Structures are given as C-alpha cells and as structure tokens.
C-alpha cells in the first residue's frame, strides 16, 4: 500500500501529531511539528531508496491494519516513525548485518525527543524498547505491541509480485556501492535466515501474510542462488 508523495508530508505530519498527543505529550503543537519536520527530513534523505517515506507509510499503514491487536497503538506508531530514522547504507557490511539501520541510536533519539515533548518517561522508554526489538525481528510472542510492529515492518515481503520487484530494486539501489557478488551473498544469507524461521509473522492477523511472503522469498532465493553459481563460475 504506498503513499502518494505529492501530499505525503502533510499527511505524515498530521499522523505524527495525533500519535504524539495520544502518547501524552504536553508540548505545544509548534514544538511537536518541529520534531516531526526533522523526522521527515531524515526519512526523505536522497540516499534512501527503500528506507524512505514510502516504507514509513507502508509500516504505519500496516500498524493501522493490526492496531486492534495492540495494547497502545500510538506507541507502536511512534516506534514505526523512529525504527529506521538513524540509517547509513555506506558501510559495506551494513546490509548483511543490520540493513544499515542503527536501532540503538534510533531508540535513543526516540526516547530523548519524546521526553522533550512531554511524553511520560515510561512511554518514551517503551517506544525505545520497541525500536530496539526490531533488530532481529524475533519478538516475544506475548508482547503484542512488539509483534505488531515487527509484522508491520516485514509485511512488504508478502506484497504482490510487481510491488515486491520494486522493493528489490529499491533495496539494491540503496546498496549500489556494494559489489554485485557481495550483495548476492549477503542477500542469500538474509533470505535463508528468514525462510528457516518457523514463522515470519507473530500476530494473529499478520499470519495471513505468511504464505505469500514465503513464496516471494523462495522465488527470490532460487533466482539469486542461480545467479551466484554463474558469478562463481565466471571467477574460475
């Protein structure tokens, strides 16, 4: 489900403001908007081909779809806003390890900025915890807020074929500086880890995405394994 970028900034700012107010912020609307604008600037950085506003919009939309399963949907939405706000794809090893996302730095930023907006400390800490929980996408199944956030972040894996193809190109563009052979190797490792899981999605509603996601991942793994064999053959 993408976001129309022509009106995305205002749509996002309104959504951000509602969630911050819902989380108990005591700051003025101008102060809330100021932080929101800084977040939008981070998400619209030109180096972001996948971890951008479209991705943020997708995650927020999926959180809304699963919101009935959360204890505090506003905190989950705020965690979505911050989950990839600190990002750097330049490190060659970044993609294979954390996908360029610095979860601890993003969680720290979330805590400090939300606290500065008057969000209660326990709520600000909770948002930071949810952001950090995305590192391995293996949430405590009894933590419904965390399960929903993780499922929302992975939901694109179940996209229709054309959207999944766009996602693959966006990710490759984001890591265009990584040599093709290294990228293929890292991607295969990621796909293998995902497919080895007993389940990709943890929330009851998210379970509906399991089969289409596995079909996309399996088909991609098959293509990349074939490409890797060709690349290895060309080296010898």
C-alpha atoms as a PDB file:
ATOM      1  CA  UNK A   1       0.000   0.000   0.000  1.00  0.00           C
ATOM      2  CA  UNK A   2       2.111   3.009  -0.995  1.00  0.00           C
ATOM      3  CA  UNK A   3       1.813   6.684  -0.129  1.00  0.00           C
ATOM      4  CA  UNK A   4       1.219   9.438  -2.666  1.00  0.00           C
ATOM      5  CA  UNK A   5       4.317  11.555  -2.196  1.00  0.00           C
ATOM      6  CA  UNK A   6       2.599  14.660  -3.556  1.00  0.00           C
ATOM      7  CA  UNK A   7       0.633  15.028  -0.320  1.00  0.00           C
ATOM      8  CA  UNK A   8       2.656  12.777   1.949  1.00  0.00           C
ATOM      9  CA  UNK A   9       4.357  15.497   4.026  1.00  0.00           C
ATOM     10  CA  UNK A  10       1.093  16.957   5.393  1.00  0.00           C
ATOM     11  CA  UNK A  11      -0.447  13.510   5.810  1.00  0.00           C
ATOM     12  CA  UNK A  12       2.574  12.330   7.754  1.00  0.00           C
ATOM     13  CA  UNK A  13       2.757  15.415   9.952  1.00  0.00           C
ATOM     14  CA  UNK A  14      -0.907  15.066  10.928  1.00  0.00           C
ATOM     15  CA  UNK A  15      -0.392  11.386  11.729  1.00  0.00           C
ATOM     16  CA  UNK A  16       2.728  12.152  13.745  1.00  0.00           C
ATOM     17  CA  UNK A  17       0.963  14.850  15.743  1.00  0.00           C
ATOM     18  CA  UNK A  18      -2.008  12.615  16.587  1.00  0.00           C
ATOM     19  CA  UNK A  19       0.277   9.855  17.833  1.00  0.00           C
ATOM     20  CA  UNK A  20       2.430  12.161  19.950  1.00  0.00           C
ATOM     21  CA  UNK A  21      -0.622  13.779  21.520  1.00  0.00           C
ATOM     22  CA  UNK A  22      -2.135  10.341  22.033  1.00  0.00           C
ATOM     23  CA  UNK A  23       1.016   9.271  23.855  1.00  0.00           C
ATOM     24  CA  UNK A  24       0.519  12.093  26.360  1.00  0.00           C
ATOM     25  CA  UNK A  25       2.766  14.860  25.054  1.00  0.00           C
ATOM     26  CA  UNK A  26       2.455  18.220  26.805  1.00  0.00           C
ATOM     27  CA  UNK A  27       4.446  20.256  24.252  1.00  0.00           C
ATOM     28  CA  UNK A  28       2.875  22.883  22.026  1.00  0.00           C
ATOM     29  CA  UNK A  29       1.700  21.996  18.551  1.00  0.00           C
ATOM     30  CA  UNK A  30       4.568  24.015  17.069  1.00  0.00           C
ATOM     31  CA  UNK A  31       7.104  22.060  19.116  1.00  0.00           C
ATOM     32  CA  UNK A  32       5.550  18.768  18.033  1.00  0.00           C
ATOM     33  CA  UNK A  33       5.586  19.888  14.399  1.00  0.00           C
ATOM     34  CA  UNK A  34       9.236  20.916  14.659  1.00  0.00           C
ATOM     35  CA  UNK A  35      10.281  17.421  15.719  1.00  0.00           C
ATOM     36  CA  UNK A  36       8.006  15.941  13.066  1.00  0.00           C
ATOM     37  CA  UNK A  37       9.662  18.012  10.353  1.00  0.00           C
ATOM     38  CA  UNK A  38      13.102  16.792  11.460  1.00  0.00           C
ATOM     39  CA  UNK A  39      11.916  13.205  11.225  1.00  0.00           C
ATOM     40  CA  UNK A  40      10.500  13.815   7.743  1.00  0.00           C
ATOM     41  CA  UNK A  41      13.829  15.289   6.669  1.00  0.00           C
ATOM     42  CA  UNK A  42      15.603  12.142   7.844  1.00  0.00           C
ATOM     43  CA  UNK A  43      13.168   9.855   6.023  1.00  0.00           C
ATOM     44  CA  UNK A  44      13.454  11.847   2.783  1.00  0.00           C
ATOM     45  CA  UNK A  45      17.254  11.880   2.589  1.00  0.00           C
ATOM     46  CA  UNK A  46      18.307  11.326  -1.058  1.00  0.00           C
ATOM     47  CA  UNK A  47      20.427   8.281  -0.142  1.00  0.00           C
ATOM     48  CA  UNK A  48      17.309   6.449   0.986  1.00  0.00           C
ATOM     49  CA  UNK A  49      15.863   4.400  -1.851  1.00  0.00           C
ATOM     50  CA  UNK A  50      13.976   1.889   0.290  1.00  0.00           C
ATOM     51  CA  UNK A  51      14.186   3.183   3.874  1.00  0.00           C
ATOM     52  CA  UNK A  52      12.223   6.278   2.869  1.00  0.00           C
ATOM     53  CA  UNK A  53       8.782   7.838   3.268  1.00  0.00           C
ATOM     54  CA  UNK A  54       7.151   5.132   1.194  1.00  0.00           C
ATOM     55  CA  UNK A  55       8.463   2.478   3.555  1.00  0.00           C
ATOM     56  CA  UNK A  56       7.458   4.505   6.606  1.00  0.00           C
ATOM     57  CA  UNK A  57       3.979   4.934   5.142  1.00  0.00           C
ATOM     58  CA  UNK A  58       3.738   1.203   4.455  1.00  0.00           C
ATOM     59  CA  UNK A  59       4.686   0.361   8.046  1.00  0.00           C
ATOM     60  CA  UNK A  60       2.302   2.915   9.537  1.00  0.00           C
ATOM     61  CA  UNK A  61      -0.476   1.580   7.317  1.00  0.00           C
ATOM     62  CA  UNK A  62       0.170  -1.977   8.397  1.00  0.00           C
ATOM     63  CA  UNK A  63       0.219  -0.936  12.046  1.00  0.00           C
ATOM     64  CA  UNK A  64      -3.230   0.563  11.496  1.00  0.00           C
ATOM     65  CA  UNK A  65      -4.413  -2.734   9.983  1.00  0.00           C
ATOM     66  CA  UNK A  66      -3.187  -4.633  13.046  1.00  0.00           C
ATOM     67  CA  UNK A  67      -3.951  -1.952  15.634  1.00  0.00           C
ATOM     68  CA  UNK A  68      -6.789  -3.915  17.245  1.00  0.00           C
ATOM     69  CA  UNK A  69      -4.160  -6.387  18.445  1.00  0.00           C
ATOM     70  CA  UNK A  70      -2.043  -3.740  20.195  1.00  0.00           C
ATOM     71  CA  UNK A  71      -2.222  -2.508  23.763  1.00  0.00           C
ATOM     72  CA  UNK A  72      -1.112   1.005  22.874  1.00  0.00           C
ATOM     73  CA  UNK A  73      -1.305   1.726  19.130  1.00  0.00           C
ATOM     74  CA  UNK A  74       0.049   5.273  19.479  1.00  0.00           C
ATOM     75  CA  UNK A  75       3.299   4.000  20.983  1.00  0.00           C
ATOM     76  CA  UNK A  76       3.584   1.400  18.230  1.00  0.00           C
ATOM     77  CA  UNK A  77       3.071   4.118  15.612  1.00  0.00           C
ATOM     78  CA  UNK A  78       5.744   6.274  17.241  1.00  0.00           C
ATOM     79  CA  UNK A  79       8.126   3.305  17.213  1.00  0.00           C
ATOM     80  CA  UNK A  80       7.401   2.958  13.493  1.00  0.00           C
ATOM     81  CA  UNK A  81       8.377   6.590  12.996  1.00  0.00           C
ATOM     82  CA  UNK A  82      11.699   6.037  14.727  1.00  0.00           C
ATOM     83  CA  UNK A  83      12.549   2.478  13.698  1.00  0.00           C
ATOM     84  CA  UNK A  84      14.829   3.467  10.817  1.00  0.00           C
ATOM     85  CA  UNK A  85      15.376   7.138  11.426  1.00  0.00           C
ATOM     86  CA  UNK A  86      19.114   6.674  12.031  1.00  0.00           C
ATOM     87  CA  UNK A  87      20.358   4.964   8.899  1.00  0.00           C
ATOM     88  CA  UNK A  88      23.569   4.639   6.914  1.00  0.00           C
ATOM     89  CA  UNK A  89      23.989   2.302   3.942  1.00  0.00           C
ATOM     90  CA  UNK A  90      27.599   3.300   3.252  1.00  0.00           C
ATOM     91  CA  UNK A  91      29.219   0.668   5.427  1.00  0.00           C
ATOM     92  CA  UNK A  92      29.951  -2.327   3.185  1.00  0.00           C
ATOM     93  CA  UNK A  93      28.990  -4.725   5.963  1.00  0.00           C
ATOM     94  CA  UNK A  94      25.854  -2.814   6.890  1.00  0.00           C
ATOM     95  CA  UNK A  95      23.455  -4.675   4.644  1.00  0.00           C
ATOM     96  CA  UNK A  96      24.388  -8.172   5.758  1.00  0.00           C
ATOM     97  CA  UNK A  97      24.322  -7.187   9.417  1.00  0.00           C
ATOM     98  CA  UNK A  98      21.633  -4.648  10.221  1.00  0.00           C
ATOM     99  CA  UNK A  99      20.469  -3.405   6.843  1.00  0.00           C
ATOM    100  CA  UNK A 100      22.003  -0.034   7.614  1.00  0.00           C
ATOM    101  CA  UNK A 101      19.622   0.686  10.450  1.00  0.00           C
ATOM    102  CA  UNK A 102      21.136   1.749  13.780  1.00  0.00           C
ATOM    103  CA  UNK A 103      18.415   0.596  16.138  1.00  0.00           C
ATOM    104  CA  UNK A 104      20.139   1.646  19.348  1.00  0.00           C
ATOM    105  CA  UNK A 105      20.776   5.175  18.067  1.00  0.00           C
ATOM    106  CA  UNK A 106      17.200   5.403  16.740  1.00  0.00           C
ATOM    107  CA  UNK A 107      15.831   4.191  20.087  1.00  0.00           C
ATOM    108  CA  UNK A 108      17.922   6.740  21.959  1.00  0.00           C
ATOM    109  CA  UNK A 109      16.723   9.520  19.679  1.00  0.00           C
ATOM    110  CA  UNK A 110      13.125   8.420  20.190  1.00  0.00           C
ATOM    111  CA  UNK A 111      13.493   8.488  23.965  1.00  0.00           C
ATOM    112  CA  UNK A 112      15.149  11.897  24.080  1.00  0.00           C
ATOM    113  CA  UNK A 113      12.839  13.612  21.595  1.00  0.00           C
ATOM    114  CA  UNK A 114       9.626  12.177  23.004  1.00  0.00           C
ATOM    115  CA  UNK A 115      10.687  13.001  26.541  1.00  0.00           C
ATOM    116  CA  UNK A 116      11.435  16.538  25.332  1.00  0.00           C
ATOM    117  CA  UNK A 117       7.872  16.760  24.016  1.00  0.00           C
ATOM    118  CA  UNK A 118       6.480  15.875  27.412  1.00  0.00           C
ATOM    119  CA  UNK A 119       5.639  12.246  26.704  1.00  0.00           C
ATOM    120  CA  UNK A 120       5.733  10.373  30.046  1.00  0.00           C
ATOM    121  CA  UNK A 121       9.077   8.690  30.705  1.00  0.00           C
ATOM    122  CA  UNK A 122       7.714   5.160  30.785  1.00  0.00           C
ATOM    123  CA  UNK A 123       6.016   5.683  27.421  1.00  0.00           C
ATOM    124  CA  UNK A 124       9.163   7.180  25.881  1.00  0.00           C
ATOM    125  CA  UNK A 125      11.158   4.216  27.183  1.00  0.00           C
ATOM    126  CA  UNK A 126       8.573   1.829  25.780  1.00  0.00           C
ATOM    127  CA  UNK A 127       8.928   3.334  22.308  1.00  0.00           C
ATOM    128  CA  UNK A 128      12.703   2.937  22.536  1.00  0.00           C
ATOM    129  CA  UNK A 129      12.271  -0.684  23.570  1.00  0.00           C
ATOM    130  CA  UNK A 130      10.018  -1.382  20.595  1.00  0.00           C
ATOM    131  CA  UNK A 131      12.546   0.180  18.209  1.00  0.00           C
ATOM    132  CA  UNK A 132      15.355  -1.970  19.604  1.00  0.00           C
ATOM    133  CA  UNK A 133      13.199  -5.074  19.318  1.00  0.00           C
ATOM    134  CA  UNK A 134      13.249  -4.782  15.529  1.00  0.00           C
ATOM    135  CA  UNK A 135      16.941  -5.682  15.338  1.00  0.00           C
ATOM    136  CA  UNK A 136      16.273  -9.401  14.928  1.00  0.00           C
ATOM    137  CA  UNK A 137      12.547  -9.340  14.176  1.00  0.00           C
ATOM    138  CA  UNK A 138      12.005 -12.081  16.741  1.00  0.00           C
ATOM    139  CA  UNK A 139       9.647 -10.529  19.287  1.00  0.00           C
ATOM    140  CA  UNK A 140       8.366 -12.039  22.468  1.00  0.00           C
ATOM    141  CA  UNK A 141       5.063 -13.551  21.237  1.00  0.00           C
ATOM    142  CA  UNK A 142       3.378 -12.360  24.437  1.00  0.00           C
ATOM    143  CA  UNK A 143       4.314  -8.744  23.663  1.00  0.00           C
ATOM    144  CA  UNK A 144       1.543  -7.854  21.223  1.00  0.00           C
ATOM    145  CA  UNK A 145       2.772  -4.322  20.536  1.00  0.00           C
ATOM    146  CA  UNK A 146       6.184  -5.648  19.564  1.00  0.00           C
ATOM    147  CA  UNK A 147       4.688  -8.433  17.453  1.00  0.00           C
ATOM    148  CA  UNK A 148       2.558  -5.952  15.523  1.00  0.00           C
ATOM    149  CA  UNK A 149       5.494  -3.611  14.878  1.00  0.00           C
ATOM    150  CA  UNK A 150       7.701  -6.445  13.643  1.00  0.00           C
ATOM    151  CA  UNK A 151       4.944  -7.813  11.428  1.00  0.00           C
ATOM    152  CA  UNK A 152       4.229  -4.359  10.006  1.00  0.00           C
ATOM    153  CA  UNK A 153       7.895  -3.906   9.156  1.00  0.00           C
ATOM    154  CA  UNK A 154       8.089  -7.272   7.369  1.00  0.00           C
ATOM    155  CA  UNK A 155       4.677  -7.081   5.673  1.00  0.00           C
ATOM    156  CA  UNK A 156       6.166  -5.927   2.373  1.00  0.00           C
ATOM    157  CA  UNK A 157       7.642  -9.402   1.961  1.00  0.00           C
ATOM    158  CA  UNK A 158       4.086 -10.545   1.202  1.00  0.00           C
ATOM    159  CA  UNK A 159       3.473  -7.902  -1.460  1.00  0.00           C
ATOM    160  CA  UNK A 160       2.118  -8.701  -4.902  1.00  0.00           C
ATOM    161  CA  UNK A 161       4.860  -9.632  -7.420  1.00  0.00           C
ATOM    162  CA  UNK A 162       5.218  -6.189  -9.053  1.00  0.00           C
ATOM    163  CA  UNK A 163       5.475  -4.377  -5.721  1.00  0.00           C
ATOM    164  CA  UNK A 164       7.948  -6.971  -4.467  1.00  0.00           C
ATOM    165  CA  UNK A 165      10.030  -6.428  -7.602  1.00  0.00           C
ATOM    166  CA  UNK A 166      10.048  -2.680  -6.907  1.00  0.00           C
ATOM    167  CA  UNK A 167      11.104  -3.369  -3.326  1.00  0.00           C
ATOM    168  CA  UNK A 168      14.030  -5.499  -4.510  1.00  0.00           C
ATOM    169  CA  UNK A 169      15.185  -2.756  -6.877  1.00  0.00           C
ATOM    170  CA  UNK A 170      14.886  -0.108  -4.161  1.00  0.00           C
ATOM    171  CA  UNK A 171      16.997  -2.163  -1.774  1.00  0.00           C
ATOM    172  CA  UNK A 172      19.618  -2.802  -4.442  1.00  0.00           C
ATOM    173  CA  UNK A 173      19.745   0.905  -5.298  1.00  0.00           C
ATOM    174  CA  UNK A 174      20.246   1.725  -1.641  1.00  0.00           C
ATOM    175  CA  UNK A 175      23.294  -0.542  -1.579  1.00  0.00           C
ATOM    176  CA  UNK A 176      24.511   0.123  -5.122  1.00  0.00           C
ATOM    177  CA  UNK A 177      28.042   0.678  -3.791  1.00  0.00           C
ATOM    178  CA  UNK A 178      28.284  -2.979  -2.726  1.00  0.00           C
ATOM    179  CA  UNK A 179      29.755  -5.213  -5.484  1.00  0.00           C
ATOM    180  CA  UNK A 180      27.141  -7.479  -7.024  1.00  0.00           C
ATOM    181  CA  UNK A 181      28.754 -10.715  -5.819  1.00  0.00           C
ATOM    182  CA  UNK A 182      28.948  -9.435  -2.237  1.00  0.00           C
ATOM    183  CA  UNK A 183      25.380  -8.185  -2.373  1.00  0.00           C
ATOM    184  CA  UNK A 184      24.070 -11.504  -3.706  1.00  0.00           C
ATOM    185  CA  UNK A 185      25.925 -13.368  -0.975  1.00  0.00           C
ATOM    186  CA  UNK A 186      24.516 -11.118   1.749  1.00  0.00           C
ATOM    187  CA  UNK A 187      21.005 -11.271   0.348  1.00  0.00           C
ATOM    188  CA  UNK A 188      21.088 -15.061   0.156  1.00  0.00           C
ATOM    189  CA  UNK A 189      22.149 -15.196   3.796  1.00  0.00           C
ATOM    190  CA  UNK A 190      19.251 -12.950   4.807  1.00  0.00           C
ATOM    191  CA  UNK A 191      16.705 -14.925   2.783  1.00  0.00           C
ATOM    192  CA  UNK A 192      17.951 -18.219   4.181  1.00  0.00           C
ATOM    193  CA  UNK A 193      17.633 -16.982   7.774  1.00  0.00           C
ATOM    194  CA  UNK A 194      14.119 -15.744   7.127  1.00  0.00           C
ATOM    195  CA  UNK A 195      12.970 -18.952   5.448  1.00  0.00           C
ATOM    196  CA  UNK A 196      14.475 -21.063   8.230  1.00  0.00           C
ATOM    197  CA  UNK A 197      12.133 -19.492  10.757  1.00  0.00           C
ATOM    198  CA  UNK A 198       9.134 -21.478  11.877  1.00  0.00           C
ATOM    199  CA  UNK A 199       7.049 -18.372  11.178  1.00  0.00           C
ATOM    200  CA  UNK A 200       7.775 -14.924   9.772  1.00  0.00           C
ATOM    201  CA  UNK A 201       4.806 -13.190  11.387  1.00  0.00           C
ATOM    202  CA  UNK A 202       3.796 -13.281  15.028  1.00  0.00           C
ATOM    203  CA  UNK A 203       0.451 -11.517  15.297  1.00  0.00           C
ATOM    204  CA  UNK A 204      -2.791 -13.389  14.510  1.00  0.00           C
ATOM    205  CA  UNK A 205      -3.773 -11.016  11.695  1.00  0.00           C
ATOM    206  CA  UNK A 206      -0.220 -10.918  10.367  1.00  0.00           C
ATOM    207  CA  UNK A 207      -0.304 -14.682   9.918  1.00  0.00           C
ATOM    208  CA  UNK A 208      -2.283 -14.136   6.703  1.00  0.00           C
ATOM    209  CA  UNK A 209       0.913 -12.778   5.121  1.00  0.00           C
ATOM    210  CA  UNK A 210       2.943 -15.912   5.848  1.00  0.00           C
ATOM    211  CA  UNK A 211       2.323 -17.901   2.662  1.00  0.00           C
ATOM    212  CA  UNK A 212       2.705 -15.082   0.088  1.00  0.00           C
ATOM    213  CA  UNK A 213       5.841 -13.884   1.871  1.00  0.00           C
ATOM    214  CA  UNK A 214       7.404 -17.342   1.742  1.00  0.00           C
ATOM    215  CA  UNK A 215       6.552 -17.625  -1.940  1.00  0.00           C
ATOM    216  CA  UNK A 216       8.281 -14.304  -2.675  1.00  0.00           C
ATOM    217  CA  UNK A 217      11.316 -15.167  -0.587  1.00  0.00           C
ATOM    218  CA  UNK A 218      11.610 -18.664  -2.020  1.00  0.00           C
ATOM    219  CA  UNK A 219      11.415 -17.455  -5.611  1.00  0.00           C
ATOM    220  CA  UNK A 220      13.992 -14.748  -4.939  1.00  0.00           C
ATOM    221  CA  UNK A 221      16.331 -17.202  -3.240  1.00  0.00           C
ATOM    222  CA  UNK A 222      16.092 -19.537  -6.217  1.00  0.00           C
ATOM    223  CA  UNK A 223      16.955 -16.713  -8.635  1.00  0.00           C
ATOM    224  CA  UNK A 224      19.862 -15.454  -6.557  1.00  0.00           C
ATOM    225  CA  UNK A 225      21.301 -18.935  -5.994  1.00  0.00           C
ATOM    226  CA  UNK A 226      21.329 -19.429  -9.764  1.00  0.00           C
ATOM    227  CA  UNK A 227      22.975 -16.034 -10.237  1.00  0.00           C
ATOM    228  CA  UNK A 228      25.555 -16.810  -7.579  1.00  0.00           C
ATOM    229  CA  UNK A 229      26.547 -20.015  -9.345  1.00  0.00           C
ATOM    230  CA  UNK A 230      27.048 -18.064 -12.577  1.00  0.00           C
ATOM    231  CA  UNK A 231      29.135 -15.426 -10.811  1.00  0.00           C
ATOM    232  CA  UNK A 232      31.282 -18.075  -9.173  1.00  0.00           C
ATOM    233  CA  UNK A 233      31.761 -19.873 -12.485  1.00  0.00           C
ATOM    234  CA  UNK A 234      32.871 -16.640 -14.118  1.00  0.00           C
ATOM    235  CA  UNK A 235      35.571 -16.200 -11.464  1.00  0.00           C
ATOM    236  CA  UNK A 236      37.222 -19.505 -12.416  1.00  0.00           C
END
